[in-house]
């Protein structure tokens, strides 16, 4: 996989939300976090930001 999470940034104003996902998806995202020595949250946010950036470029 070529995806790399962004480095953890300084704290910015943010909103907390709960999401529900399949156990298999959670396991995959958690493993990416472990492999990159970062948090689960950082992985999810990095993926979402990358997706939105790609959509804006289209």
PDB file of N, CA and C in Angstrom:
ATOM      1  N   UNK A   1       0.844  -1.183   0.000  1.00  0.00           N
ATOM      2  CA  UNK A   1       0.000   0.000   0.000  1.00  0.00           C
ATOM      3  C   UNK A   1       0.886   1.242   0.000  1.00  0.00           C
ATOM      4  N   UNK A   2       0.570   2.207  -0.853  1.00  0.00           N
ATOM      5  CA  UNK A   2       1.355   3.431  -0.949  1.00  0.00           C
ATOM      6  C   UNK A   2       0.913   4.506   0.019  1.00  0.00           C
ATOM      7  N   UNK A   3      -0.231   4.316   0.673  1.00  0.00           N
ATOM      8  CA  UNK A   3      -0.760   5.332   1.571  1.00  0.00           C
ATOM      9  C   UNK A   3       0.110   5.495   2.802  1.00  0.00           C
ATOM     10  N   UNK A   4       0.420   6.732   3.144  1.00  0.00           N
ATOM     11  CA  UNK A   4       1.147   7.053   4.373  1.00  0.00           C
ATOM     12  C   UNK A   4       0.366   8.121   5.117  1.00  0.00           C
ATOM     13  N   UNK A   5       0.029   7.898   6.389  1.00  0.00           N
ATOM     14  CA  UNK A   5      -0.682   8.930   7.156  1.00  0.00           C
ATOM     15  C   UNK A   5       0.165  10.182   7.290  1.00  0.00           C
ATOM     16  N   UNK A   6      -0.496  11.311   7.405  1.00  0.00           N
ATOM     17  CA  UNK A   6       0.209  12.574   7.609  1.00  0.00           C
ATOM     18  C   UNK A   6       0.811  12.585   9.004  1.00  0.00           C
ATOM     19  N   UNK A   7       1.899  13.315   9.162  1.00  0.00           N
ATOM     20  CA  UNK A   7       2.453  13.457  10.520  1.00  0.00           C
ATOM     21  C   UNK A   7       1.429  14.129  11.432  1.00  0.00           C
ATOM     22  N   UNK A   8       1.446  13.786  12.694  1.00  0.00           N
ATOM     23  CA  UNK A   8       0.525  14.398  13.644  1.00  0.00           C
ATOM     24  C   UNK A   8       0.825  15.883  13.732  1.00  0.00           C
ATOM     25  N   UNK A   9      -0.219  16.663  13.633  1.00  0.00           N
ATOM     26  CA  UNK A   9      -0.068  18.114  13.650  1.00  0.00           C
ATOM     27  C   UNK A   9      -0.364  18.680  15.024  1.00  0.00           C
ATOM     28  N   UNK A  10      -0.072  19.984  15.167  1.00  0.00           N
ATOM     29  CA  UNK A  10      -0.454  20.676  16.393  1.00  0.00           C
ATOM     30  C   UNK A  10      -1.966  20.640  16.506  1.00  0.00           C
ATOM     31  N   UNK A  11      -2.442  20.701  17.714  1.00  0.00           N
ATOM     32  CA  UNK A  11      -3.879  20.651  17.950  1.00  0.00           C
ATOM     33  C   UNK A  11      -4.562  21.857  17.309  1.00  0.00           C
ATOM     34  N   UNK A  12      -5.657  21.583  16.632  1.00  0.00           N
ATOM     35  CA  UNK A  12      -6.488  22.623  16.036  1.00  0.00           C
ATOM     36  C   UNK A  12      -7.915  22.384  16.515  1.00  0.00           C
ATOM     37  N   UNK A  13      -8.767  23.384  16.344  1.00  0.00           N
ATOM     38  CA  UNK A  13     -10.163  23.214  16.740  1.00  0.00           C
ATOM     39  C   UNK A  13     -10.735  22.026  15.984  1.00  0.00           C
ATOM     40  N   UNK A  14     -11.411  21.159  16.687  1.00  0.00           N
ATOM     41  CA  UNK A  14     -11.914  19.938  16.072  1.00  0.00           C
ATOM     42  C   UNK A  14     -13.245  19.540  16.696  1.00  0.00           C
ATOM     43  N   UNK A  15     -13.918  18.620  16.023  1.00  0.00           N
ATOM     44  CA  UNK A  15     -15.185  18.084  16.491  1.00  0.00           C
ATOM     45  C   UNK A  15     -15.051  16.580  16.666  1.00  0.00           C
ATOM     46  N   UNK A  16     -15.619  16.073  17.717  1.00  0.00           N
ATOM     47  CA  UNK A  16     -15.587  14.636  17.973  1.00  0.00           C
ATOM     48  C   UNK A  16     -16.885  14.004  17.476  1.00  0.00           C
ATOM     49  N   UNK A  17     -16.757  12.894  16.724  1.00  0.00           N
ATOM     50  CA  UNK A  17     -17.916  12.168  16.216  1.00  0.00           C
ATOM     51  C   UNK A  17     -17.688  10.681  16.421  1.00  0.00           C
ATOM     52  N   UNK A  18     -18.764   9.955  16.599  1.00  0.00           N
ATOM     53  CA  UNK A  18     -18.690   8.495  16.668  1.00  0.00           C
ATOM     54  C   UNK A  18     -19.080   7.939  15.308  1.00  0.00           C
ATOM     55  N   UNK A  19     -18.355   6.930  14.861  1.00  0.00           N
ATOM     56  CA  UNK A  19     -18.726   6.257  13.629  1.00  0.00           C
ATOM     57  C   UNK A  19     -18.731   4.756  13.890  1.00  0.00           C
ATOM     58  N   UNK A  20     -19.533   4.055  13.121  1.00  0.00           N
ATOM     59  CA  UNK A  20     -19.609   2.610  13.237  1.00  0.00           C
ATOM     60  C   UNK A  20     -19.036   2.011  11.968  1.00  0.00           C
ATOM     61  N   UNK A  21     -18.207   0.981  12.128  1.00  0.00           N
ATOM     62  CA  UNK A  21     -17.593   0.328  10.967  1.00  0.00           C
ATOM     63  C   UNK A  21     -17.463  -1.159  11.232  1.00  0.00           C
ATOM     64  N   UNK A  22     -17.339  -1.896  10.156  1.00  0.00           N
ATOM     65  CA  UNK A  22     -17.145  -3.347  10.282  1.00  0.00           C
ATOM     66  C   UNK A  22     -15.854  -3.629  11.050  1.00  0.00           C
ATOM     67  N   UNK A  23     -15.837  -4.731  11.760  1.00  0.00           N
ATOM     68  CA  UNK A  23     -14.646  -5.128  12.515  1.00  0.00           C
ATOM     69  C   UNK A  23     -13.440  -5.295  11.607  1.00  0.00           C
ATOM     70  N   UNK A  24     -13.658  -5.807  10.394  1.00  0.00           N
ATOM     71  CA  UNK A  24     -12.554  -6.026   9.452  1.00  0.00           C
ATOM     72  C   UNK A  24     -11.915  -4.703   9.040  1.00  0.00           C
ATOM     73  N   UNK A  25     -12.733  -3.672   8.812  1.00  0.00           N
ATOM     74  CA  UNK A  25     -12.212  -2.360   8.445  1.00  0.00           C
ATOM     75  C   UNK A  25     -11.423  -1.762   9.602  1.00  0.00           C
ATOM     76  N   UNK A  26     -11.980  -1.883  10.811  1.00  0.00           N
ATOM     77  CA  UNK A  26     -11.273  -1.384  11.994  1.00  0.00           C
ATOM     78  C   UNK A  26      -9.909  -2.060  12.139  1.00  0.00           C
ATOM     79  N   UNK A  27      -9.856  -3.357  11.917  1.00  0.00           N
ATOM     80  CA  UNK A  27      -8.590  -4.089  12.044  1.00  0.00           C
ATOM     81  C   UNK A  27      -7.568  -3.603  11.018  1.00  0.00           C
ATOM     82  N   UNK A  28      -8.009  -3.365   9.793  1.00  0.00           N
ATOM     83  CA  UNK A  28      -7.094  -2.879   8.751  1.00  0.00           C
ATOM     84  C   UNK A  28      -6.554  -1.487   9.080  1.00  0.00           C
ATOM     85  N   UNK A  29      -7.449  -0.601   9.514  1.00  0.00           N
ATOM     86  CA  UNK A  29      -7.022   0.756   9.860  1.00  0.00           C
ATOM     87  C   UNK A  29      -6.102   0.755  11.081  1.00  0.00           C
ATOM     88  N   UNK A  30      -6.400  -0.078  12.044  1.00  0.00           N
ATOM     89  CA  UNK A  30      -5.556  -0.189  13.232  1.00  0.00           C
ATOM     90  C   UNK A  30      -4.165  -0.693  12.870  1.00  0.00           C
ATOM     91  N   UNK A  31      -4.085  -1.632  11.943  1.00  0.00           N
ATOM     92  CA  UNK A  31      -2.780  -2.153  11.531  1.00  0.00           C
ATOM     93  C   UNK A  31      -1.977  -1.089  10.805  1.00  0.00           C
ATOM     94  N   UNK A  32      -2.624  -0.267   9.991  1.00  0.00           N
ATOM     95  CA  UNK A  32      -1.917   0.844   9.336  1.00  0.00           C
ATOM     96  C   UNK A  32      -1.349   1.777  10.394  1.00  0.00           C
ATOM     97  N   UNK A  33      -2.116   2.043  11.438  1.00  0.00           N
ATOM     98  CA  UNK A  33      -1.636   2.912  12.517  1.00  0.00           C
ATOM     99  C   UNK A  33      -0.410   2.311  13.204  1.00  0.00           C
ATOM    100  N   UNK A  34      -0.468   1.031  13.509  1.00  0.00           N
ATOM    101  CA  UNK A  34       0.672   0.357  14.156  1.00  0.00           C
ATOM    102  C   UNK A  34       1.898   0.400  13.242  1.00  0.00           C
ATOM    103  N   UNK A  35       1.692   0.079  11.960  1.00  0.00           N
ATOM    104  CA  UNK A  35       2.805   0.048  11.006  1.00  0.00           C
ATOM    105  C   UNK A  35       3.477   1.408  10.837  1.00  0.00           C
ATOM    106  N   UNK A  36       2.712   2.487  11.057  1.00  0.00           N
ATOM    107  CA  UNK A  36       3.233   3.839  10.873  1.00  0.00           C
ATOM    108  C   UNK A  36       3.466   4.585  12.178  1.00  0.00           C
ATOM    109  N   UNK A  37       3.378   3.858  13.298  1.00  0.00           N
ATOM    110  CA  UNK A  37       3.625   4.440  14.616  1.00  0.00           C
ATOM    111  C   UNK A  37       2.810   5.720  14.826  1.00  0.00           C
ATOM    112  N   UNK A  38       1.528   5.625  14.565  1.00  0.00           N
ATOM    113  CA  UNK A  38       0.635   6.772  14.740  1.00  0.00           C
ATOM    114  C   UNK A  38      -0.685   6.285  15.316  1.00  0.00           C
ATOM    115  N   UNK A  39      -1.619   7.183  15.477  1.00  0.00           N
ATOM    116  CA  UNK A  39      -2.899   6.820  16.078  1.00  0.00           C
ATOM    117  C   UNK A  39      -3.909   6.378  15.025  1.00  0.00           C
ATOM    118  N   UNK A  40      -4.878   5.621  15.471  1.00  0.00           N
ATOM    119  CA  UNK A  40      -5.984   5.214  14.624  1.00  0.00           C
ATOM    120  C   UNK A  40      -6.670   6.459  14.061  1.00  0.00           C
ATOM    121  N   UNK A  41      -6.919   7.444  14.913  1.00  0.00           N
ATOM    122  CA  UNK A  41      -7.576   8.674  14.498  1.00  0.00           C
ATOM    123  C   UNK A  41      -6.792   9.369  13.387  1.00  0.00           C
ATOM    124  N   UNK A  42      -5.472   9.442  13.512  1.00  0.00           N
ATOM    125  CA  UNK A  42      -4.655  10.101  12.493  1.00  0.00           C
ATOM    126  C   UNK A  42      -4.762   9.376  11.156  1.00  0.00           C
ATOM    127  N   UNK A  43      -4.821   8.075  11.181  1.00  0.00           N
ATOM    128  CA  UNK A  43      -4.977   7.300   9.944  1.00  0.00           C
ATOM    129  C   UNK A  43      -6.302   7.639   9.275  1.00  0.00           C
ATOM    130  N   UNK A  44      -7.389   7.617  10.038  1.00  0.00           N
ATOM    131  CA  UNK A  44      -8.710   7.883   9.472  1.00  0.00           C
ATOM    132  C   UNK A  44      -8.777   9.301   8.900  1.00  0.00           C
ATOM    133  N   UNK A  45      -8.303  10.281   9.651  1.00  0.00           N
ATOM    134  CA  UNK A  45      -8.329  11.673   9.184  1.00  0.00           C
ATOM    135  C   UNK A  45      -7.458  11.834   7.946  1.00  0.00           C
ATOM    136  N   UNK A  46      -6.290  11.212   7.922  1.00  0.00           N
ATOM    137  CA  UNK A  46      -5.402  11.297   6.757  1.00  0.00           C
ATOM    138  C   UNK A  46      -6.065  10.725   5.508  1.00  0.00           C
ATOM    139  N   UNK A  47      -6.736   9.600   5.654  1.00  0.00           N
ATOM    140  CA  UNK A  47      -7.430   8.981   4.514  1.00  0.00           C
ATOM    141  C   UNK A  47      -8.546   9.900   4.018  1.00  0.00           C
ATOM    142  N   UNK A  48      -9.336  10.435   4.933  1.00  0.00           N
ATOM    143  CA  UNK A  48     -10.430  11.316   4.533  1.00  0.00           C
ATOM    144  C   UNK A  48      -9.920  12.585   3.850  1.00  0.00           C
ATOM    145  N   UNK A  49      -8.866  13.198   4.401  1.00  0.00           N
ATOM    146  CA  UNK A  49      -8.311  14.407   3.792  1.00  0.00           C
ATOM    147  C   UNK A  49      -7.729  14.126   2.416  1.00  0.00           C
ATOM    148  N   UNK A  50      -7.062  13.002   2.262  1.00  0.00           N
ATOM    149  CA  UNK A  50      -6.502  12.624   0.969  1.00  0.00           C
ATOM    150  C   UNK A  50      -7.618  12.417  -0.055  1.00  0.00           C
ATOM    151  N   UNK A  51      -8.671  11.740   0.340  1.00  0.00           N
ATOM    152  CA  UNK A  51      -9.806  11.511  -0.551  1.00  0.00           C
ATOM    153  C   UNK A  51     -10.424  12.837  -0.987  1.00  0.00           C
ATOM    154  N   UNK A  52     -10.670  13.733  -0.035  1.00  0.00           N
ATOM    155  CA  UNK A  52     -11.286  15.021  -0.368  1.00  0.00           C
ATOM    156  C   UNK A  52     -10.385  15.858  -1.266  1.00  0.00           C
ATOM    157  N   UNK A  53      -9.099  15.815  -1.039  1.00  0.00           N
ATOM    158  CA  UNK A  53      -8.159  16.541  -1.893  1.00  0.00           C
ATOM    159  C   UNK A  53      -8.212  16.011  -3.331  1.00  0.00           C
ATOM    160  N   UNK A  54      -8.244  14.705  -3.480  1.00  0.00           N
ATOM    161  CA  UNK A  54      -8.326  14.098  -4.807  1.00  0.00           C
ATOM    162  C   UNK A  54      -9.630  14.478  -5.496  1.00  0.00           C
ATOM    163  N   UNK A  55     -10.731  14.554  -4.741  1.00  0.00           N
ATOM    164  CA  UNK A  55     -12.008  14.935  -5.324  1.00  0.00           C
ATOM    165  C   UNK A  55     -11.993  16.379  -5.812  1.00  0.00           C
ATOM    166  N   UNK A  56     -11.328  17.252  -5.064  1.00  0.00           N
ATOM    167  CA  UNK A  56     -11.225  18.652  -5.465  1.00  0.00           C
ATOM    168  C   UNK A  56     -10.386  18.828  -6.727  1.00  0.00           C
ATOM    169  N   UNK A  57      -9.418  17.937  -6.928  1.00  0.00           N
ATOM    170  CA  UNK A  57      -8.547  18.018  -8.089  1.00  0.00           C
ATOM    171  C   UNK A  57      -9.218  17.543  -9.359  1.00  0.00           C
ATOM    172  N   UNK A  58     -10.333  16.841  -9.251  1.00  0.00           N
ATOM    173  CA  UNK A  58     -11.044  16.319 -10.426  1.00  0.00           C
ATOM    174  C   UNK A  58     -11.837  17.393 -11.123  1.00  0.00           C
TER     175      UNK A  58
END
